[in-house]
Amino acid sequence: MQFASVEFDEPSLVWYFRSRVKGFLTPLNRRRAAEFMATPGPRFIILPTPNAGTLFANQPPNWKFFPTSGFNIAKGKHVDLTLVLKSE
């Protein structure tokens, strides 16, 4: 499974997901996010929650969204992120 991030490039993404997926983290900008998710095969992307609603407003019904919020200790600020999952 491939995974990517937009506007959130923290080492913790690799630490958390590397043991569960065989792909490598692909850092993307907003313009390439939709292209990444449109590529065939299972994949997920992590991005700021407001961008998830904007970029994937008309996603297929089988895609799943997992929003979360918390405090980014490394940057010292609050973050709202969403994981968008496209399974097989």
PDB file of N, CA and C in Angstrom:
ATOM      1  N   MET A   1       0.856  -1.177   0.000  1.00  0.00           N
ATOM      2  CA  MET A   1       0.000   0.000   0.000  1.00  0.00           C
ATOM      3  C   MET A   1       0.892   1.227   0.000  1.00  0.00           C
ATOM      4  N   GLN A   2       0.531   2.198  -0.795  1.00  0.00           N
ATOM      5  CA  GLN A   2       1.262   3.452  -0.865  1.00  0.00           C
ATOM      6  C   GLN A   2       0.638   4.458   0.106  1.00  0.00           C
ATOM      7  N   PHE A   3       1.476   5.347   0.650  1.00  0.00           N
ATOM      8  CA  PHE A   3       0.920   6.398   1.496  1.00  0.00           C
ATOM      9  C   PHE A   3       1.659   7.703   1.281  1.00  0.00           C
ATOM     10  N   ALA A   4       0.912   8.787   1.464  1.00  0.00           N
ATOM     11  CA  ALA A   4       1.445  10.115   1.208  1.00  0.00           C
ATOM     12  C   ALA A   4       0.942  11.088   2.265  1.00  0.00           C
ATOM     13  N   SER A   5       1.564  12.256   2.275  1.00  0.00           N
ATOM     14  CA  SER A   5       1.108  13.321   3.165  1.00  0.00           C
ATOM     15  C   SER A   5       1.176  14.652   2.431  1.00  0.00           C
ATOM     16  N   VAL A   6       0.310  15.552   2.849  1.00  0.00           N
ATOM     17  CA  VAL A   6       0.273  16.907   2.309  1.00  0.00           C
ATOM     18  C   VAL A   6       0.350  17.867   3.492  1.00  0.00           C
ATOM     19  N   GLU A   7       1.329  18.766   3.468  1.00  0.00           N
ATOM     20  CA  GLU A   7       1.485  19.784   4.499  1.00  0.00           C
ATOM     21  C   GLU A   7       1.635  19.218   5.907  1.00  0.00           C
ATOM     22  N   PHE A   8       2.092  17.983   6.013  1.00  0.00           N
ATOM     23  CA  PHE A   8       2.399  17.373   7.309  1.00  0.00           C
ATOM     24  C   PHE A   8       3.506  16.362   7.065  1.00  0.00           C
ATOM     25  N   ASP A   9       4.719  16.781   7.342  1.00  0.00           N
ATOM     26  CA  ASP A   9       5.879  15.953   7.048  1.00  0.00           C
ATOM     27  C   ASP A   9       6.644  15.702   8.340  1.00  0.00           C
ATOM     28  N   GLU A  10       6.127  14.803   9.147  1.00  0.00           N
ATOM     29  CA  GLU A  10       6.733  14.499  10.433  1.00  0.00           C
ATOM     30  C   GLU A  10       7.296  13.074  10.432  1.00  0.00           C
ATOM     31  N   PRO A  11       8.437  12.852  11.063  1.00  0.00           N
ATOM     32  CA  PRO A  11       9.008  11.503  11.141  1.00  0.00           C
ATOM     33  C   PRO A  11       8.057  10.487  11.758  1.00  0.00           C
ATOM     34  N   SER A  12       7.141  10.937  12.604  1.00  0.00           N
ATOM     35  CA  SER A  12       6.205  10.009  13.246  1.00  0.00           C
ATOM     36  C   SER A  12       5.337   9.268  12.226  1.00  0.00           C
ATOM     37  N   LEU A  13       5.055   9.876  11.079  1.00  0.00           N
ATOM     38  CA  LEU A  13       4.281   9.173  10.044  1.00  0.00           C
ATOM     39  C   LEU A  13       5.001   7.910   9.604  1.00  0.00           C
ATOM     40  N   VAL A  14       6.289   8.018   9.395  1.00  0.00           N
ATOM     41  CA  VAL A  14       7.063   6.852   8.988  1.00  0.00           C
ATOM     42  C   VAL A  14       7.103   5.839  10.130  1.00  0.00           C
ATOM     43  N   TRP A  15       7.329   6.299  11.354  1.00  0.00           N
ATOM     44  CA  TRP A  15       7.405   5.393  12.484  1.00  0.00           C
ATOM     45  C   TRP A  15       6.107   4.612  12.666  1.00  0.00           C
ATOM     46  N   TYR A  16       4.972   5.287  12.566  1.00  0.00           N
ATOM     47  CA  TYR A  16       3.690   4.631  12.809  1.00  0.00           C
ATOM     48  C   TYR A  16       3.268   3.698  11.677  1.00  0.00           C
ATOM     49  N   PHE A  17       3.501   4.081  10.446  1.00  0.00           N
ATOM     50  CA  PHE A  17       2.952   3.318   9.328  1.00  0.00           C
ATOM     51  C   PHE A  17       3.937   2.375   8.661  1.00  0.00           C
ATOM     52  N   ARG A  18       5.206   2.572   8.819  1.00  0.00           N
ATOM     53  CA  ARG A  18       6.194   1.757   8.123  1.00  0.00           C
ATOM     54  C   ARG A  18       6.101   0.281   8.506  1.00  0.00           C
ATOM     55  N   SER A  19       5.730  -0.028   9.724  1.00  0.00           N
ATOM     56  CA  SER A  19       5.615  -1.427  10.145  1.00  0.00           C
ATOM     57  C   SER A  19       4.327  -2.081   9.637  1.00  0.00           C
ATOM     58  N   ARG A  20       3.401  -1.283   9.120  1.00  0.00           N
ATOM     59  CA  ARG A  20       2.105  -1.813   8.690  1.00  0.00           C
ATOM     60  C   ARG A  20       1.912  -1.803   7.175  1.00  0.00           C
ATOM     61  N   VAL A  21       2.663  -0.981   6.472  1.00  0.00           N
ATOM     62  CA  VAL A  21       2.554  -0.917   5.014  1.00  0.00           C
ATOM     63  C   VAL A  21       3.941  -1.090   4.400  1.00  0.00           C
ATOM     64  N   LYS A  22       3.975  -1.548   3.170  1.00  0.00           N
ATOM     65  CA  LYS A  22       5.251  -1.803   2.521  1.00  0.00           C
ATOM     66  C   LYS A  22       5.727  -0.662   1.645  1.00  0.00           C
ATOM     67  N   GLY A  23       4.905   0.329   1.424  1.00  0.00           N
ATOM     68  CA  GLY A  23       5.301   1.469   0.603  1.00  0.00           C
ATOM     69  C   GLY A  23       6.104   2.473   1.399  1.00  0.00           C
ATOM     70  N   PHE A  24       6.574   3.492   0.725  1.00  0.00           N
ATOM     71  CA  PHE A  24       7.324   4.564   1.355  1.00  0.00           C
ATOM     72  C   PHE A  24       6.469   5.823   1.386  1.00  0.00           C
ATOM     73  N   LEU A  25       6.705   6.667   2.378  1.00  0.00           N
ATOM     74  CA  LEU A  25       5.984   7.926   2.479  1.00  0.00           C
ATOM     75  C   LEU A  25       6.348   8.824   1.296  1.00  0.00           C
ATOM     76  N   THR A  26       5.329   9.356   0.648  1.00  0.00           N
ATOM     77  CA  THR A  26       5.510  10.279  -0.471  1.00  0.00           C
ATOM     78  C   THR A  26       5.002  11.651  -0.045  1.00  0.00           C
ATOM     79  N   PRO A  27       5.884  12.611   0.198  1.00  0.00           N
ATOM     80  CA  PRO A  27       5.409  13.961   0.513  1.00  0.00           C
ATOM     81  C   PRO A  27       4.885  14.632  -0.765  1.00  0.00           C
ATOM     82  N   LEU A  28       3.704  15.223  -0.682  1.00  0.00           N
ATOM     83  CA  LEU A  28       3.067  15.836  -1.846  1.00  0.00           C
ATOM     84  C   LEU A  28       2.631  17.259  -1.542  1.00  0.00           C
ATOM     85  N   ASN A  29       2.375  18.010  -2.607  1.00  0.00           N
ATOM     86  CA  ASN A  29       1.703  19.295  -2.436  1.00  0.00           C
ATOM     87  C   ASN A  29       0.219  19.079  -2.757  1.00  0.00           C
ATOM     88  N   ARG A  30      -0.604  20.082  -2.505  1.00  0.00           N
ATOM     89  CA  ARG A  30      -2.057  19.936  -2.699  1.00  0.00           C
ATOM     90  C   ARG A  30      -2.419  19.566  -4.131  1.00  0.00           C
ATOM     91  N   ARG A  31      -1.692  20.102  -5.115  1.00  0.00           N
ATOM     92  CA  ARG A  31      -2.023  19.839  -6.523  1.00  0.00           C
ATOM     93  C   ARG A  31      -1.869  18.362  -6.888  1.00  0.00           C
ATOM     94  N   ARG A  32      -0.946  17.670  -6.270  1.00  0.00           N
ATOM     95  CA  ARG A  32      -0.696  16.277  -6.633  1.00  0.00           C
ATOM     96  C   ARG A  32      -1.488  15.275  -5.790  1.00  0.00           C
ATOM     97  N   ALA A  33      -2.199  15.731  -4.775  1.00  0.00           N
ATOM     98  CA  ALA A  33      -2.928  14.831  -3.878  1.00  0.00           C
ATOM     99  C   ALA A  33      -3.999  14.032  -4.614  1.00  0.00           C
ATOM    100  N   ALA A  34      -4.811  14.692  -5.415  1.00  0.00           N
ATOM    101  CA  ALA A  34      -5.881  13.994  -6.143  1.00  0.00           C
ATOM    102  C   ALA A  34      -5.303  13.007  -7.153  1.00  0.00           C
ATOM    103  N   GLU A  35      -4.234  13.395  -7.809  1.00  0.00           N
ATOM    104  CA  GLU A  35      -3.563  12.504  -8.765  1.00  0.00           C
ATOM    105  C   GLU A  35      -3.039  11.249  -8.060  1.00  0.00           C
ATOM    106  N   PHE A  36      -2.445  11.419  -6.886  1.00  0.00           N
ATOM    107  CA  PHE A  36      -1.941  10.294  -6.105  1.00  0.00           C
ATOM    108  C   PHE A  36      -3.075   9.332  -5.763  1.00  0.00           C
ATOM    109  N   MET A  37      -4.188   9.857  -5.290  1.00  0.00           N
ATOM    110  CA  MET A  37      -5.308   8.996  -4.887  1.00  0.00           C
ATOM    111  C   MET A  37      -6.016   8.369  -6.078  1.00  0.00           C
ATOM    112  N   ALA A  38      -5.929   8.971  -7.248  1.00  0.00           N
ATOM    113  CA  ALA A  38      -6.575   8.420  -8.448  1.00  0.00           C
ATOM    114  C   ALA A  38      -5.778   7.270  -9.057  1.00  0.00           C
ATOM    115  N   THR A  39      -4.527   7.118  -8.676  1.00  0.00           N
ATOM    116  CA  THR A  39      -3.698   6.030  -9.191  1.00  0.00           C
ATOM    117  C   THR A  39      -4.276   4.696  -8.727  1.00  0.00           C
ATOM    118  N   PRO A  40      -4.291   3.676  -9.600  1.00  0.00           N
ATOM    119  CA  PRO A  40      -4.843   2.372  -9.204  1.00  0.00           C
ATOM    120  C   PRO A  40      -4.120   1.764  -8.002  1.00  0.00           C
ATOM    121  N   GLY A  41      -4.870   1.010  -7.245  1.00  0.00           N
ATOM    122  CA  GLY A  41      -4.320   0.301  -6.096  1.00  0.00           C
ATOM    123  C   GLY A  41      -4.690   0.947  -4.780  1.00  0.00           C
ATOM    124  N   PRO A  42      -4.588   0.173  -3.697  1.00  0.00           N
ATOM    125  CA  PRO A  42      -4.920   0.704  -2.380  1.00  0.00           C
ATOM    126  C   PRO A  42      -3.878   1.722  -1.933  1.00  0.00           C
ATOM    127  N   ARG A  43      -4.333   2.768  -1.267  1.00  0.00           N
ATOM    128  CA  ARG A  43      -3.435   3.825  -0.812  1.00  0.00           C
ATOM    129  C   ARG A  43      -4.150   4.727   0.179  1.00  0.00           C
ATOM    130  N   PHE A  44      -3.392   5.500   0.907  1.00  0.00           N
ATOM    131  CA  PHE A  44      -3.988   6.502   1.784  1.00  0.00           C
ATOM    132  C   PHE A  44      -3.120   7.744   1.802  1.00  0.00           C
ATOM    133  N   ILE A  45      -3.753   8.833   2.193  1.00  0.00           N
ATOM    134  CA  ILE A  45      -3.077  10.115   2.268  1.00  0.00           C
ATOM    135  C   ILE A  45      -3.493  10.805   3.565  1.00  0.00           C
ATOM    136  N   ILE A  46      -2.542  11.494   4.179  1.00  0.00           N
ATOM    137  CA  ILE A  46      -2.800  12.253   5.398  1.00  0.00           C
ATOM    138  C   ILE A  46      -2.606  13.720   5.065  1.00  0.00           C
ATOM    139  N   LEU A  47      -3.611  14.524   5.405  1.00  0.00           N
ATOM    140  CA  LEU A  47      -3.558  15.936   5.064  1.00  0.00           C
ATOM    141  C   LEU A  47      -4.390  16.746   6.050  1.00  0.00           C
ATOM    142  N   PRO A  48      -4.198  18.061   6.088  1.00  0.00           N
ATOM    143  CA  PRO A  48      -5.020  18.888   6.962  1.00  0.00           C
ATOM    144  C   PRO A  48      -6.509  18.699   6.647  1.00  0.00           C
ATOM    145  N   THR A  49      -7.309  18.612   7.681  1.00  0.00           N
ATOM    146  CA  THR A  49      -8.736  18.338   7.528  1.00  0.00           C
ATOM    147  C   THR A  49      -9.442  19.294   6.566  1.00  0.00           C
ATOM    148  N   PRO A  50      -9.194  20.600   6.612  1.00  0.00           N
ATOM    149  CA  PRO A  50      -9.871  21.473   5.628  1.00  0.00           C
ATOM    150  C   PRO A  50      -9.534  21.110   4.178  1.00  0.00           C
ATOM    151  N   ASN A  51      -8.315  20.681   3.924  1.00  0.00           N
ATOM    152  CA  ASN A  51      -7.931  20.273   2.575  1.00  0.00           C
ATOM    153  C   ASN A  51      -8.623  18.981   2.145  1.00  0.00           C
ATOM    154  N   ALA A  52      -8.855  18.089   3.079  1.00  0.00           N
ATOM    155  CA  ALA A  52      -9.519  16.823   2.748  1.00  0.00           C
ATOM    156  C   ALA A  52     -10.913  17.074   2.197  1.00  0.00           C
ATOM    157  N   GLY A  53     -11.650  17.963   2.840  1.00  0.00           N
ATOM    158  CA  GLY A  53     -12.996  18.279   2.365  1.00  0.00           C
ATOM    159  C   GLY A  53     -13.008  18.977   1.024  1.00  0.00           C
ATOM    160  N   THR A  54     -12.004  19.783   0.775  1.00  0.00           N
ATOM    161  CA  THR A  54     -11.917  20.523  -0.486  1.00  0.00           C
ATOM    162  C   THR A  54     -11.439  19.639  -1.632  1.00  0.00           C
ATOM    163  N   LEU A  55     -10.356  18.921  -1.401  1.00  0.00           N
ATOM    164  CA  LEU A  55      -9.743  18.122  -2.468  1.00  0.00           C
ATOM    165  C   LEU A  55     -10.522  16.862  -2.814  1.00  0.00           C
ATOM    166  N   PHE A  56     -11.229  16.301  -1.844  1.00  0.00           N
ATOM    167  CA  PHE A  56     -11.921  15.032  -2.066  1.00  0.00           C
ATOM    168  C   PHE A  56     -13.418  15.140  -1.785  1.00  0.00           C
ATOM    169  N   ALA A  57     -14.019  16.219  -2.236  1.00  0.00           N
ATOM    170  CA  ALA A  57     -15.452  16.442  -2.014  1.00  0.00           C
ATOM    171  C   ALA A  57     -16.310  15.437  -2.774  1.00  0.00           C
ATOM    172  N   ASN A  58     -15.853  14.956  -3.920  1.00  0.00           N
ATOM    173  CA  ASN A  58     -16.636  14.024  -4.746  1.00  0.00           C
ATOM    174  C   ASN A  58     -15.951  12.668  -4.863  1.00  0.00           C
ATOM    175  N   GLN A  59     -15.464  12.172  -3.757  1.00  0.00           N
ATOM    176  CA  GLN A  59     -14.751  10.891  -3.763  1.00  0.00           C
ATOM    177  C   GLN A  59     -15.712   9.723  -3.956  1.00  0.00           C
ATOM    178  N   PRO A  60     -15.199   8.568  -4.421  1.00  0.00           N
ATOM    179  CA  PRO A  60     -16.045   7.377  -4.533  1.00  0.00           C
ATOM    180  C   PRO A  60     -16.585   6.969  -3.161  1.00  0.00           C
ATOM    181  N   PRO A  61     -17.734   6.317  -3.128  1.00  0.00           N
ATOM    182  CA  PRO A  61     -18.354   5.977  -1.840  1.00  0.00           C
ATOM    183  C   PRO A  61     -17.563   4.972  -1.000  1.00  0.00           C
ATOM    184  N   ASN A  62     -16.648   4.222  -1.607  1.00  0.00           N
ATOM    185  CA  ASN A  62     -15.904   3.237  -0.824  1.00  0.00           C
ATOM    186  C   ASN A  62     -14.667   3.831  -0.131  1.00  0.00           C
ATOM    187  N   TRP A  63     -14.337   5.094  -0.368  1.00  0.00           N
ATOM    188  CA  TRP A  63     -13.233   5.743   0.336  1.00  0.00           C
ATOM    189  C   TRP A  63     -13.684   6.061   1.753  1.00  0.00           C
ATOM    190  N   LYS A  64     -12.766   5.956   2.697  1.00  0.00           N
ATOM    191  CA  LYS A  64     -13.086   6.233   4.094  1.00  0.00           C
ATOM    192  C   LYS A  64     -12.246   7.416   4.586  1.00  0.00           C
ATOM    193  N   PHE A  65     -12.843   8.214   5.467  1.00  0.00           N
ATOM    194  CA  PHE A  65     -12.183   9.380   6.034  1.00  0.00           C
ATOM    195  C   PHE A  65     -12.057   9.192   7.543  1.00  0.00           C
ATOM    196  N   PHE A  66     -10.870   9.444   8.074  1.00  0.00           N
ATOM    197  CA  PHE A  66     -10.613   9.308   9.502  1.00  0.00           C
ATOM    198  C   PHE A  66      -9.988  10.601  10.026  1.00  0.00           C
ATOM    199  N   PRO A  67     -10.804  11.541  10.510  1.00  0.00           N
ATOM    200  CA  PRO A  67     -10.261  12.804  11.029  1.00  0.00           C
ATOM    201  C   PRO A  67      -9.773  12.652  12.471  1.00  0.00           C
ATOM    202  N   THR A  68      -8.783  13.448  12.830  1.00  0.00           N
ATOM    203  CA  THR A  68      -8.289  13.497  14.206  1.00  0.00           C
ATOM    204  C   THR A  68      -7.678  14.868  14.451  1.00  0.00           C
ATOM    205  N   SER A  69      -7.542  15.221  15.705  1.00  0.00           N
ATOM    206  CA  SER A  69      -6.882  16.481  16.049  1.00  0.00           C
ATOM    207  C   SER A  69      -6.048  16.249  17.292  1.00  0.00           C
ATOM    208  N   GLY A  70      -5.060  17.081  17.462  1.00  0.00           N
ATOM    209  CA  GLY A  70      -4.175  16.949  18.608  1.00  0.00           C
ATOM    210  C   GLY A  70      -3.144  18.053  18.622  1.00  0.00           C
ATOM    211  N   PHE A  71      -2.117  17.832  19.429  1.00  0.00           N
ATOM    212  CA  PHE A  71      -1.066  18.819  19.596  1.00  0.00           C
ATOM    213  C   PHE A  71       0.222  18.252  19.016  1.00  0.00           C
ATOM    214  N   ASN A  72       0.823  18.979  18.084  1.00  0.00           N
ATOM    215  CA  ASN A  72       2.098  18.589  17.488  1.00  0.00           C
ATOM    216  C   ASN A  72       3.200  19.133  18.395  1.00  0.00           C
ATOM    217  N   ILE A  73       3.776  18.258  19.204  1.00  0.00           N
ATOM    218  CA  ILE A  73       4.786  18.675  20.176  1.00  0.00           C
ATOM    219  C   ILE A  73       6.015  19.247  19.473  1.00  0.00           C
ATOM    220  N   ALA A  74       6.423  18.634  18.361  1.00  0.00           N
ATOM    221  CA  ALA A  74       7.625  19.089  17.650  1.00  0.00           C
ATOM    222  C   ALA A  74       7.484  20.527  17.150  1.00  0.00           C
ATOM    223  N   LYS A  75       6.280  20.911  16.728  1.00  0.00           N
ATOM    224  CA  LYS A  75       6.061  22.263  16.196  1.00  0.00           C
ATOM    225  C   LYS A  75       5.430  23.205  17.219  1.00  0.00           C
ATOM    226  N   GLY A  76       4.923  22.633  18.310  1.00  0.00           N
ATOM    227  CA  GLY A  76       4.309  23.447  19.349  1.00  0.00           C
ATOM    228  C   GLY A  76       2.982  24.055  18.956  1.00  0.00           C
ATOM    229  N   LYS A  77       2.197  23.332  18.139  1.00  0.00           N
ATOM    230  CA  LYS A  77       0.897  23.879  17.743  1.00  0.00           C
ATOM    231  C   LYS A  77      -0.131  22.770  17.531  1.00  0.00           C
ATOM    232  N   HIS A  78      -1.385  23.185  17.531  1.00  0.00           N
ATOM    233  CA  HIS A  78      -2.517  22.283  17.337  1.00  0.00           C
ATOM    234  C   HIS A  78      -2.611  21.881  15.856  1.00  0.00           C
ATOM    235  N   VAL A  79      -2.982  20.626  15.599  1.00  0.00           N
ATOM    236  CA  VAL A  79      -3.171  20.164  14.220  1.00  0.00           C
ATOM    237  C   VAL A  79      -4.496  19.421  14.094  1.00  0.00           C
ATOM    238  N   ASP A  80      -5.139  19.581  12.955  1.00  0.00           N
ATOM    239  CA  ASP A  80      -6.334  18.825  12.569  1.00  0.00           C
ATOM    240  C   ASP A  80      -5.982  18.101  11.294  1.00  0.00           C
ATOM    241  N   LEU A  81      -5.963  16.771  11.340  1.00  0.00           N
ATOM    242  CA  LEU A  81      -5.563  15.971  10.179  1.00  0.00           C
ATOM    243  C   LEU A  81      -6.646  14.974   9.841  1.00  0.00           C
ATOM    244  N   THR A  82      -6.665  14.559   8.575  1.00  0.00           N
ATOM    245  CA  THR A  82      -7.574  13.518   8.116  1.00  0.00           C
ATOM    246  C   THR A  82      -6.789  12.503   7.297  1.00  0.00           C
ATOM    247  N   LEU A  83      -7.034  11.243   7.553  1.00  0.00           N
ATOM    248  CA  LEU A  83      -6.491  10.166   6.742  1.00  0.00           C
ATOM    249  C   LEU A  83      -7.590   9.759   5.770  1.00  0.00           C
ATOM    250  N   VAL A  84      -7.309   9.814   4.485  1.00  0.00           N
ATOM    251  CA  VAL A  84      -8.250   9.399   3.444  1.00  0.00           C
ATOM    252  C   VAL A  84      -7.745   8.056   2.920  1.00  0.00           C
ATOM    253  N   LEU A  85      -8.577   7.034   3.034  1.00  0.00           N
ATOM    254  CA  LEU A  85      -8.193   5.670   2.666  1.00  0.00           C
ATOM    255  C   LEU A  85      -8.957   5.191   1.444  1.00  0.00           C
ATOM    256  N   LYS A  86      -8.219   4.706   0.479  1.00  0.00           N
ATOM    257  CA  LYS A  86      -8.806   4.053  -0.693  1.00  0.00           C
ATOM    258  C   LYS A  86      -8.334   2.609  -0.640  1.00  0.00           C
ATOM    259  N   SER A  87      -9.239   1.695  -0.316  1.00  0.00           N
ATOM    260  CA  SER A  87      -8.867   0.285  -0.272  1.00  0.00           C
ATOM    261  C   SER A  87      -9.025  -0.313  -1.665  1.00  0.00           C
ATOM    262  N   GLU A  88      -8.801  -1.601  -1.782  1.00  0.00           N
ATOM    263  CA  GLU A  88      -8.875  -2.279  -3.067  1.00  0.00           C
ATOM    264  C   GLU A  88     -10.089  -1.826  -3.776  1.00  0.00           C
TER     265      GLU A  88
END
